Protein backbone atom coordinates (compact mmCIF):
# COMPACT_ATOMS: atom_id res chain seq x y z
CA MET A 1 -0.03 -0.02 0.22
CA GLU A 2 1.57 3.40 -1.17
CA ASP A 3 2.07 6.02 1.30
CA SER A 4 0.80 8.34 -1.09
CA ALA A 5 -2.53 6.81 0.06
CA SER A 6 -2.65 8.85 3.30
CA THR A 7 -2.96 12.09 1.61
CA ALA A 8 -6.25 13.37 0.36
CA PRO A 9 -6.83 14.48 -3.39
CA ALA A 10 -5.24 17.80 -4.10
CA THR A 11 -7.55 20.62 -4.35
CA SER A 12 -7.07 24.32 -5.39
CA ALA A 13 -8.33 27.31 -3.17
CA SER A 14 -9.95 25.05 -0.82
CA THR A 15 -12.57 26.47 1.74
CA PRO A 16 -15.66 24.91 3.50
CA ALA A 17 -19.05 25.12 1.79
CA THR A 18 -22.43 24.04 2.34
CA LEU A 19 -22.53 20.81 3.82
CA ALA A 20 -23.62 17.53 2.95
CA ALA A 21 -25.29 15.27 5.59
CA PRO A 22 -23.44 12.47 6.99
CA GLU A 23 -25.83 10.05 5.21
CA ASP A 24 -24.55 11.51 1.97
CA LEU A 25 -20.98 10.00 2.37
CA ASP A 26 -19.95 8.00 -0.67
CA LYS A 27 -20.52 4.48 0.58
CA GLU A 28 -19.02 2.81 -2.18
CA GLN A 29 -15.77 4.79 -1.50
CA ILE A 30 -15.86 3.74 2.34
CA LYS A 31 -16.42 0.27 1.04
CA LYS A 32 -13.15 0.25 -1.16
CA ALA A 33 -11.15 1.67 1.41
CA VAL A 34 -12.24 -0.81 4.01
CA GLU A 35 -11.49 -3.86 1.51
CA ALA A 36 -8.03 -2.42 0.57
CA LEU A 37 -7.01 -1.89 4.43
CA LEU A 38 -8.39 -5.51 5.21
CA ALA A 39 -6.58 -6.97 2.26
CA HIS A 40 -3.31 -4.95 3.33
CA SER A 41 -3.75 -6.53 6.84
CA ARG A 42 -3.84 -9.95 5.37
CA SER A 43 -1.07 -9.56 2.96
CA ARG A 44 1.13 -8.24 5.74
CA LYS A 45 0.25 -11.15 8.03
CA ASN A 46 1.11 -13.74 5.05
CA ALA A 47 4.46 -11.84 4.51
CA ASN A 48 5.49 -11.87 8.21
CA GLY A 49 4.35 -15.37 9.39
CA LEU A 50 1.77 -13.71 11.76
CA LEU A 51 -1.21 -15.70 12.82
CA LEU A 52 -4.25 -15.05 10.79
CA ASN A 53 -6.33 -14.62 13.88
CA GLU A 54 -4.53 -11.76 15.44
CA ASN A 55 -6.64 -8.92 14.54
CA GLU A 56 -5.56 -5.01 14.29
CA ASN A 57 -7.81 -2.42 15.38
CA PHE A 58 -9.50 -0.17 12.97
CA PHE A 59 -9.76 3.48 13.29
CA LEU A 60 -11.83 6.44 11.97
CA MET A 61 -9.71 9.63 11.89
CA VAL A 62 -11.48 12.95 12.10
CA VAL A 63 -9.84 16.07 10.96
CA LEU A 64 -11.74 19.17 12.19
CA TRP A 65 -11.79 22.88 10.46
CA LYS A 66 -11.27 24.37 13.89
CA ILE A 67 -9.54 22.97 17.28
CA PRO A 68 -12.27 22.83 19.77
CA SER A 69 -12.49 25.16 22.71
CA LYS A 70 -13.08 22.53 25.04
CA GLU A 71 -12.43 18.74 25.20
CA LEU A 72 -15.24 16.47 24.00
CA ARG A 73 -15.68 12.92 25.40
CA VAL A 74 -18.72 10.74 24.57
CA LYS A 75 -19.43 7.05 24.56
CA LEU A 76 -20.86 5.64 21.24
CA SER A 77 -22.94 2.49 21.07
CA LEU A 78 -22.29 0.76 17.77
CA PRO A 79 -24.50 -1.65 15.50
CA HIS A 80 -21.89 -4.05 15.83
CA SER A 81 -19.76 -4.66 18.72
CA ILE A 82 -15.82 -4.14 18.23
CA ARG A 83 -14.73 -6.68 21.17
CA SER A 84 -14.67 -10.25 21.02
CA ASP A 85 -16.32 -12.61 23.64
CA LEU A 86 -12.59 -13.65 24.45
CA ALA A 87 -11.48 -10.15 25.06
CA ASP A 88 -9.50 -9.83 28.28
CA ILE A 89 -10.60 -6.55 30.13
CA CYS A 90 -9.26 -4.95 32.90
CA LEU A 91 -11.30 -2.48 35.29
CA PHE A 92 -9.42 0.34 37.30
CA THR A 93 -11.62 1.23 40.38
CA LYS A 94 -11.52 4.04 43.21
CA ASP A 95 -9.91 3.02 46.45
CA ASN A 96 -12.77 2.28 48.99
CA PRO A 97 -12.09 4.40 52.03
CA ASN A 98 -9.99 2.56 55.15
CA VAL A 99 -9.76 -0.56 53.71
CA THR A 100 -6.84 -2.59 51.89
CA PRO A 101 -6.79 -2.84 48.11
CA GLU A 102 -7.60 -6.64 48.33
CA LYS A 103 -10.96 -5.56 50.14
CA THR A 104 -11.73 -2.89 47.72
CA GLU A 105 -11.14 -5.58 44.92
CA HIS A 106 -13.24 -7.80 46.78
CA PHE A 107 -16.28 -5.46 47.21
CA TYR A 108 -16.11 -4.78 43.19
CA LYS A 109 -16.08 -8.24 42.38
CA LYS A 110 -19.41 -8.85 44.59
CA LEU A 111 -20.95 -5.93 42.93
CA LEU A 112 -20.17 -7.07 39.38
CA ASN A 113 -21.48 -10.42 40.19
CA LYS A 114 -24.48 -8.91 41.86
CA HIS A 115 -25.38 -7.39 38.47
CA GLY A 116 -24.40 -10.39 36.50
CA ILE A 117 -21.35 -9.00 34.79
CA LYS A 118 -18.81 -11.96 33.69
CA THR A 119 -16.73 -9.93 31.32
CA ILE A 120 -14.04 -8.30 33.46
CA SER A 121 -11.15 -10.28 33.70
CA GLN A 122 -9.41 -8.47 36.48
CA ILE A 123 -10.10 -5.57 39.02
CA ILE A 124 -7.06 -3.15 39.91
CA PRO A 125 -7.86 -0.80 42.69
CA PHE A 126 -5.93 2.35 42.15
CA ARG A 127 -4.03 1.91 45.02
CA THR A 128 -2.46 -1.30 43.50
CA LEU A 129 -1.95 0.45 40.16
CA LYS A 130 0.23 3.14 41.82
CA LYS A 131 2.09 0.68 43.95
CA GLU A 132 2.48 -2.59 41.63
CA TYR A 133 2.94 -1.03 38.14
CA LYS A 134 5.19 1.99 39.01
CA ALA A 135 8.03 0.55 37.01
CA TYR A 136 8.21 1.24 33.26
CA GLU A 137 8.39 -2.62 32.59
CA ALA A 138 5.34 -3.04 34.77
CA LYS A 139 3.20 -0.78 32.59
CA LEU A 140 4.12 -2.45 29.59
CA ARG A 141 3.07 -5.84 30.94
CA LEU A 142 -0.10 -4.56 32.23
CA LEU A 143 -0.55 -2.86 28.73
CA GLY A 144 -0.22 -6.19 26.86
CA SER A 145 -2.10 -8.15 29.27
CA PHE A 146 -5.33 -7.07 28.41
CA ASP A 147 -7.35 -6.21 25.11
CA PHE A 148 -9.37 -3.37 26.67
CA PHE A 149 -9.43 -1.27 30.00
CA LEU A 150 -12.32 0.39 31.83
CA THR A 151 -12.21 2.76 34.54
CA ASP A 152 -14.35 4.02 37.47
CA ALA A 153 -15.46 7.59 36.15
CA ARG A 154 -14.36 9.01 39.46
CA ILE A 155 -10.38 8.25 38.77
CA ARG A 156 -10.35 8.91 35.21
CA ARG A 157 -8.44 12.42 35.46
CA LEU A 158 -6.03 10.65 37.60
CA LEU A 159 -4.94 7.84 35.46
CA PRO A 160 -2.28 9.38 32.60
CA SER A 161 0.50 9.93 34.83
CA HIS A 162 0.15 6.25 36.24
CA LEU A 163 -0.27 4.46 33.05
CA GLY A 164 2.29 6.11 30.78
CA ARG A 165 2.11 7.36 27.12
CA HIS A 166 2.32 3.86 25.79
CA PHE A 167 -1.34 3.32 26.77
CA TYR A 168 -2.13 6.59 24.76
CA ASN A 169 -0.03 5.57 21.71
CA ARG A 170 -1.56 2.28 21.30
CA LYS A 171 -4.88 3.61 21.43
CA LYS A 172 -5.50 1.80 24.69
CA VAL A 173 -7.10 4.67 26.87
CA PRO A 174 -9.56 3.41 29.36
CA VAL A 175 -12.87 3.93 28.94
CA SER A 176 -14.89 5.49 31.80
CA VAL A 177 -17.71 3.73 33.22
CA ASN A 178 -20.32 4.93 36.23
CA LEU A 179 -19.82 2.39 38.76
CA LEU A 180 -22.69 3.87 40.66
CA ALA A 181 -25.22 3.37 37.76
CA LYS A 182 -28.48 1.68 38.61
CA ASN A 183 -28.40 -0.51 35.59
CA LEU A 184 -24.60 -1.23 35.65
CA SER A 185 -24.77 -4.41 33.37
CA ARG A 186 -25.99 -2.02 30.56
CA GLU A 187 -23.38 0.64 31.40
CA ILE A 188 -20.60 -1.83 31.41
CA ASN A 189 -21.76 -3.39 28.35
CA ASN A 190 -22.35 -0.70 26.34
CA SER A 191 -18.72 0.58 27.01
CA ILE A 192 -17.14 -2.41 26.03
CA GLY A 193 -19.11 -2.87 22.95
CA GLY A 194 -19.27 0.43 21.96
CA THR A 195 -16.61 3.14 21.34
CA VAL A 196 -15.69 6.53 22.63
CA LEU A 197 -15.24 9.87 20.67
CA ASN A 198 -12.46 11.97 22.20
CA ILE A 199 -12.24 15.23 20.70
CA SER A 200 -8.93 16.96 22.04
CA LYS A 201 -8.64 20.75 22.43
CA SER A 202 -4.99 20.32 21.67
CA GLY A 203 -5.26 19.51 18.08
CA SER A 204 -7.71 19.25 15.23
CA CYS A 205 -7.07 15.45 14.56
CA SER A 206 -8.73 12.72 16.54
CA THR A 207 -8.82 8.86 16.19
CA ILE A 208 -11.99 6.84 16.95
CA ARG A 209 -11.66 3.00 17.10
CA VAL A 210 -14.81 1.49 14.88
CA GLY A 211 -13.88 -2.11 14.65
CA HIS A 212 -11.12 -4.68 13.92
CA THR A 213 -9.74 -6.70 10.86
CA GLY A 214 -11.46 -9.75 11.91
CA MET A 215 -15.05 -8.11 11.29
CA GLN A 216 -17.07 -8.38 8.04
CA VAL A 217 -16.62 -5.43 5.49
CA GLN A 218 -20.41 -4.48 5.86
CA HIS A 219 -20.02 -4.55 9.88
CA LEU A 220 -17.17 -2.11 9.53
CA ILE A 221 -19.08 0.21 7.14
CA GLU A 222 -22.04 0.32 9.32
CA ASN A 223 -20.01 1.14 12.23
CA ILE A 224 -18.24 4.04 10.60
CA LEU A 225 -21.62 5.53 9.28
CA ALA A 226 -23.01 5.19 12.87
CA VAL A 227 -19.98 7.11 14.40
CA THR A 228 -20.30 9.82 11.52
CA THR A 229 -23.90 10.33 12.24
CA LYS A 230 -23.01 10.56 16.22
CA LEU A 231 -20.34 13.26 14.80
CA SER A 232 -23.18 15.16 13.23
CA GLN A 233 -25.04 15.63 16.59
CA LYS A 234 -22.40 15.97 18.98
CA LEU A 235 -19.76 18.42 17.41
CA PRO A 236 -20.29 21.98 18.15
CA GLU A 237 -20.89 23.05 14.62
CA LYS A 238 -22.41 19.64 13.75
CA TRP A 239 -21.56 18.35 10.59
CA GLU A 240 -19.97 21.51 9.20
CA SER A 241 -17.14 21.14 11.86
CA VAL A 242 -15.67 18.14 9.91
CA LYS A 243 -12.83 18.74 7.42
CA LEU A 244 -11.44 15.45 6.56
CA LEU A 245 -12.25 11.76 7.45
CA TYR A 246 -9.89 8.69 7.05
CA VAL A 247 -9.71 5.13 7.91
CA LYS A 248 -6.76 3.09 8.93
CA THR A 249 -5.48 0.12 10.86
CA GLU A 250 -2.81 0.16 13.45
CA ARG A 251 -0.11 -0.51 10.89
CA SER A 252 -1.35 1.00 7.88
CA VAL A 253 -1.32 4.41 6.09
CA SER A 254 -4.58 6.35 6.22
CA LEU A 255 -7.34 6.03 3.60
CA PRO A 256 -9.48 9.27 2.94
CA ILE A 257 -13.15 8.47 2.79
CA PHE A 258 -14.38 12.07 2.99
CA SER A 259 -13.31 15.53 1.89
CA SER A 260 -15.25 18.79 2.59
CA PHE A 261 -12.91 20.88 0.27
CA VAL A 262 -14.35 22.68 -2.56
CA SER A 263 -12.42 24.23 -5.28
CA SER A 264 -12.53 27.93 -6.50
CA ARG A 265 -14.81 26.53 -9.15
CA GLY A 266 -17.60 25.93 -6.53
CA GLU A 267 -17.59 22.04 -6.71
CA ALA A 268 -20.10 20.61 -4.33
CA LYS A 269 -18.29 19.81 -1.12
CA GLY A 270 -17.66 16.04 -0.70
CA VAL A 271 -18.80 15.26 -4.36
CA ARG A 272 -16.54 14.25 -7.05
CA THR A 273 -17.36 14.13 -10.67
CA PRO A 274 -17.11 10.38 -12.53
CA SER A 275 -13.60 11.22 -13.58
CA GLN A 276 -12.37 12.38 -10.24
CA LYS A 277 -13.76 9.21 -8.61
CA LYS A 278 -12.04 7.16 -10.96
CA LYS A 279 -8.71 8.86 -10.58
CA VAL A 280 -9.25 8.60 -6.68
CA SER A 281 -10.09 4.69 -6.86
CA ARG A 282 -7.15 4.33 -9.02
CA VAL A 283 -4.68 5.86 -6.83
CA LEU A 284 -6.03 5.31 -3.31
CA TYR A 285 -7.76 1.67 -3.25
CA THR A 286 -5.20 -0.67 -4.91
CA SER A 287 -5.79 -3.47 -2.37
CA GLU A 288 -2.67 -5.53 -3.09
CA SER A 289 -0.11 -2.59 -3.18
């Protein structure tokens, strides 16, 4: 797959224009991008002798016209779960006052059992995280031991300095859950099966996990479309905030699926002529490259 695939088609005198709705996205273009990335993942596994059942995360990259004035973090449900039933899941919890970490862990195990929650592999109280995972090597072992991390919403802002940058580089940022929720089972299951829209105020580009390379093409497409619909509802300027959309895996270049540019000739935003579409398909979606 060529590195040039990570750049959007060139435009001249580009400016934002009257916006198409997210339902007007070119679904055929999204399908070509998804199929190209899945083919690239398969070929890379074959070339490197990797196990075919080792899946890579699949991401939607969102580039906004303006850097937001405040951080936006929204949990999103998806039509198709992005976790496998065999995923190892770790939950970080708040420390209960005046008790040992072991008793805190026991308390939350009983709470999860009470609500019939069987999906959590390990519970780590905050005090245990600070004490036993202080060393760099310990943090890396923790990162590699689980597929997914949840955290008590009450300690989410305390975690970054104790987890290290690798959690954030690998897109394994713990998803916050409300452990005081009346319907805790639904709260946990929605967090595990869904994804998180995390728009930072420090930059105009954000990455959202929408699936993995073991999923069906159509399921990935439907998850991507579900997220774009939510973007149009949650962003400050709705869909007009979106400048570019890309899809990528953990180890691939980024393929553009939407551009909100128009040229000085006044072409409709996000719409290409048949000749432009043919050129884009040739350059961007050669699956075996």
